[in-house]
């Protein structure tokens, strides 16, 4: 990957767990970062079951399978647009926008509906 270190995707409770991330997903995320031309700060990547419960994640969360990441949404509305637009351009079309936590959840979970954007 050109724009990320695998450690950025570690669950906070297990060093090196970012290795459990799906490489196809990470390559798409890296390509989106290239297109956007702005930094993607990863706030959550792979999660252990314990960490997922601690942060209030859903049962069956895509984070548990290395198929999801949360990206900090910067203050700049232009940078937000660039991030979301780039994710969509590379085909990452499952987005959850969390205004309170100021992040966008993106996943590539094929077991879930595609072409959706939700808020929470």
Protein backbone atom coordinates (compact mmCIF):
# COMPACT_ATOMS: atom_id res chain seq x y z
CA UNK A 1 0.00 0.00 0.00
CA UNK A 2 1.23 3.44 -0.86
CA UNK A 3 -0.76 5.60 1.58
CA UNK A 4 -1.30 3.44 4.67
CA UNK A 5 0.62 1.35 7.15
CA UNK A 6 -1.07 -1.92 8.02
CA UNK A 7 -0.73 -0.98 11.71
CA UNK A 8 -3.26 1.84 11.17
CA UNK A 9 -5.88 -0.91 10.92
CA UNK A 10 -4.94 -2.73 14.16
CA UNK A 11 -7.60 -3.35 16.76
CA UNK A 12 -6.35 -1.38 19.80
CA UNK A 13 -6.31 -4.53 21.93
CA UNK A 14 -4.12 -6.66 19.62
CA UNK A 15 -0.97 -5.30 18.02
CA UNK A 16 -0.49 -6.62 14.49
CA UNK A 17 -4.17 -7.46 14.00
CA UNK A 18 -4.34 -5.14 11.00
CA UNK A 19 -2.87 -8.13 9.14
CA UNK A 20 -6.38 -9.60 9.27
CA UNK A 21 -7.72 -6.90 6.95
CA UNK A 22 -8.90 -7.97 3.50
CA UNK A 23 -6.21 -6.96 0.99
CA UNK A 24 -8.67 -6.31 -1.85
CA UNK A 25 -10.50 -3.86 0.43
CA UNK A 26 -7.24 -2.19 1.50
CA UNK A 27 -6.07 -1.80 -2.09
CA UNK A 28 -9.38 -0.11 -3.00
CA UNK A 29 -9.03 2.17 0.03
CA UNK A 30 -5.47 3.01 -1.01
CA UNK A 31 -6.64 3.80 -4.54
CA UNK A 32 -9.42 6.04 -3.13
CA UNK A 33 -6.82 7.90 -1.05
CA UNK A 34 -4.78 8.47 -4.20
CA UNK A 35 -7.81 9.83 -6.06
CA UNK A 36 -8.92 12.08 -3.18
CA UNK A 37 -5.50 13.66 -2.73
CA UNK A 38 -6.19 14.24 0.98
CA UNK A 39 -5.20 12.28 4.07
CA UNK A 40 -7.45 9.45 5.25
CA UNK A 41 -7.10 9.17 9.02
CA UNK A 42 -8.25 5.68 10.00
CA UNK A 43 -10.13 5.69 13.32
CA UNK A 44 -11.12 2.01 13.23
CA UNK A 45 -10.11 -0.93 11.08
CA UNK A 46 -10.04 -4.55 12.16
CA UNK A 47 -11.81 -5.18 15.47
CA UNK A 48 -11.71 -8.10 17.84
CA UNK A 49 -15.07 -9.23 19.18
CA UNK A 50 -14.16 -7.71 22.55
CA UNK A 51 -13.21 -4.33 21.11
CA UNK A 52 -16.28 -4.31 18.88
CA UNK A 53 -18.48 -4.81 21.96
CA UNK A 54 -16.58 -2.11 23.86
CA UNK A 55 -17.22 0.50 21.16
CA UNK A 56 -20.87 -0.50 20.69
CA UNK A 57 -20.33 -2.17 17.31
CA UNK A 58 -23.02 -4.35 15.82
CA UNK A 59 -23.08 -8.12 16.07
CA UNK A 60 -21.71 -9.32 12.73
CA UNK A 61 -19.92 -6.02 12.09
CA UNK A 62 -17.85 -5.96 8.91
CA UNK A 63 -14.93 -4.75 11.06
CA UNK A 64 -14.74 -8.24 12.58
CA UNK A 65 -13.88 -9.69 9.18
CA UNK A 66 -11.41 -7.03 8.04
CA UNK A 67 -13.87 -5.66 5.51
CA UNK A 68 -14.48 -2.21 7.02
CA UNK A 69 -12.76 0.97 8.10
CA UNK A 70 -13.85 4.21 9.69
CA UNK A 71 -12.26 7.36 8.28
CA UNK A 72 -12.20 10.66 10.18
CA UNK A 73 -14.23 13.34 8.44
CA UNK A 74 -12.27 16.60 8.48
CA UNK A 75 -13.81 20.03 9.13
CA UNK A 76 -13.37 21.07 5.52
CA UNK A 77 -16.50 20.37 3.49
CA UNK A 78 -14.33 20.11 0.35
CA UNK A 79 -12.13 17.42 1.96
CA UNK A 80 -15.24 15.53 3.08
CA UNK A 81 -16.53 15.59 -0.48
CA UNK A 82 -13.17 14.44 -1.86
CA UNK A 83 -13.06 11.48 0.56
CA UNK A 84 -16.62 10.30 -0.08
CA UNK A 85 -16.41 10.89 -3.83
CA UNK A 86 -13.16 8.90 -4.08
CA UNK A 87 -14.63 5.98 -2.12
CA UNK A 88 -17.56 5.84 -4.51
CA UNK A 89 -15.30 6.14 -7.57
CA UNK A 90 -13.37 3.00 -6.63
CA UNK A 91 -16.59 1.07 -6.05
CA UNK A 92 -16.79 1.23 -2.26
CA UNK A 93 -20.51 1.84 -2.10
CA UNK A 94 -21.50 0.96 1.47
CA UNK A 95 -21.06 4.14 3.51
CA UNK A 96 -22.29 5.14 6.94
CA UNK A 97 -21.85 8.76 7.97
CA UNK A 98 -21.57 9.38 11.68
CA UNK A 99 -21.94 13.11 12.30
CA UNK A 100 -21.53 12.85 16.06
CA UNK A 101 -18.32 10.84 15.86
CA UNK A 102 -17.18 12.71 12.75
CA UNK A 103 -16.30 9.69 10.64
CA UNK A 104 -17.45 7.79 7.59
CA UNK A 105 -17.74 4.03 7.83
CA UNK A 106 -16.89 2.23 4.59
CA UNK A 107 -17.09 -1.48 4.01
CA UNK A 108 -16.93 -4.07 1.29
CA UNK A 109 -19.13 -6.70 2.91
CA UNK A 110 -20.70 -8.67 0.09
CA UNK A 111 -23.18 -10.29 2.48
CA UNK A 112 -24.89 -6.92 2.97
CA UNK A 113 -26.86 -4.56 0.69
CA UNK A 114 -24.75 -2.54 -1.73
CA UNK A 115 -25.24 1.03 -2.98
CA UNK A 116 -26.35 2.38 0.39
CA UNK A 117 -25.49 5.39 2.51
CA UNK A 118 -26.83 5.65 6.04
CA UNK A 119 -26.39 8.07 8.92
CA UNK A 120 -26.04 7.43 12.63
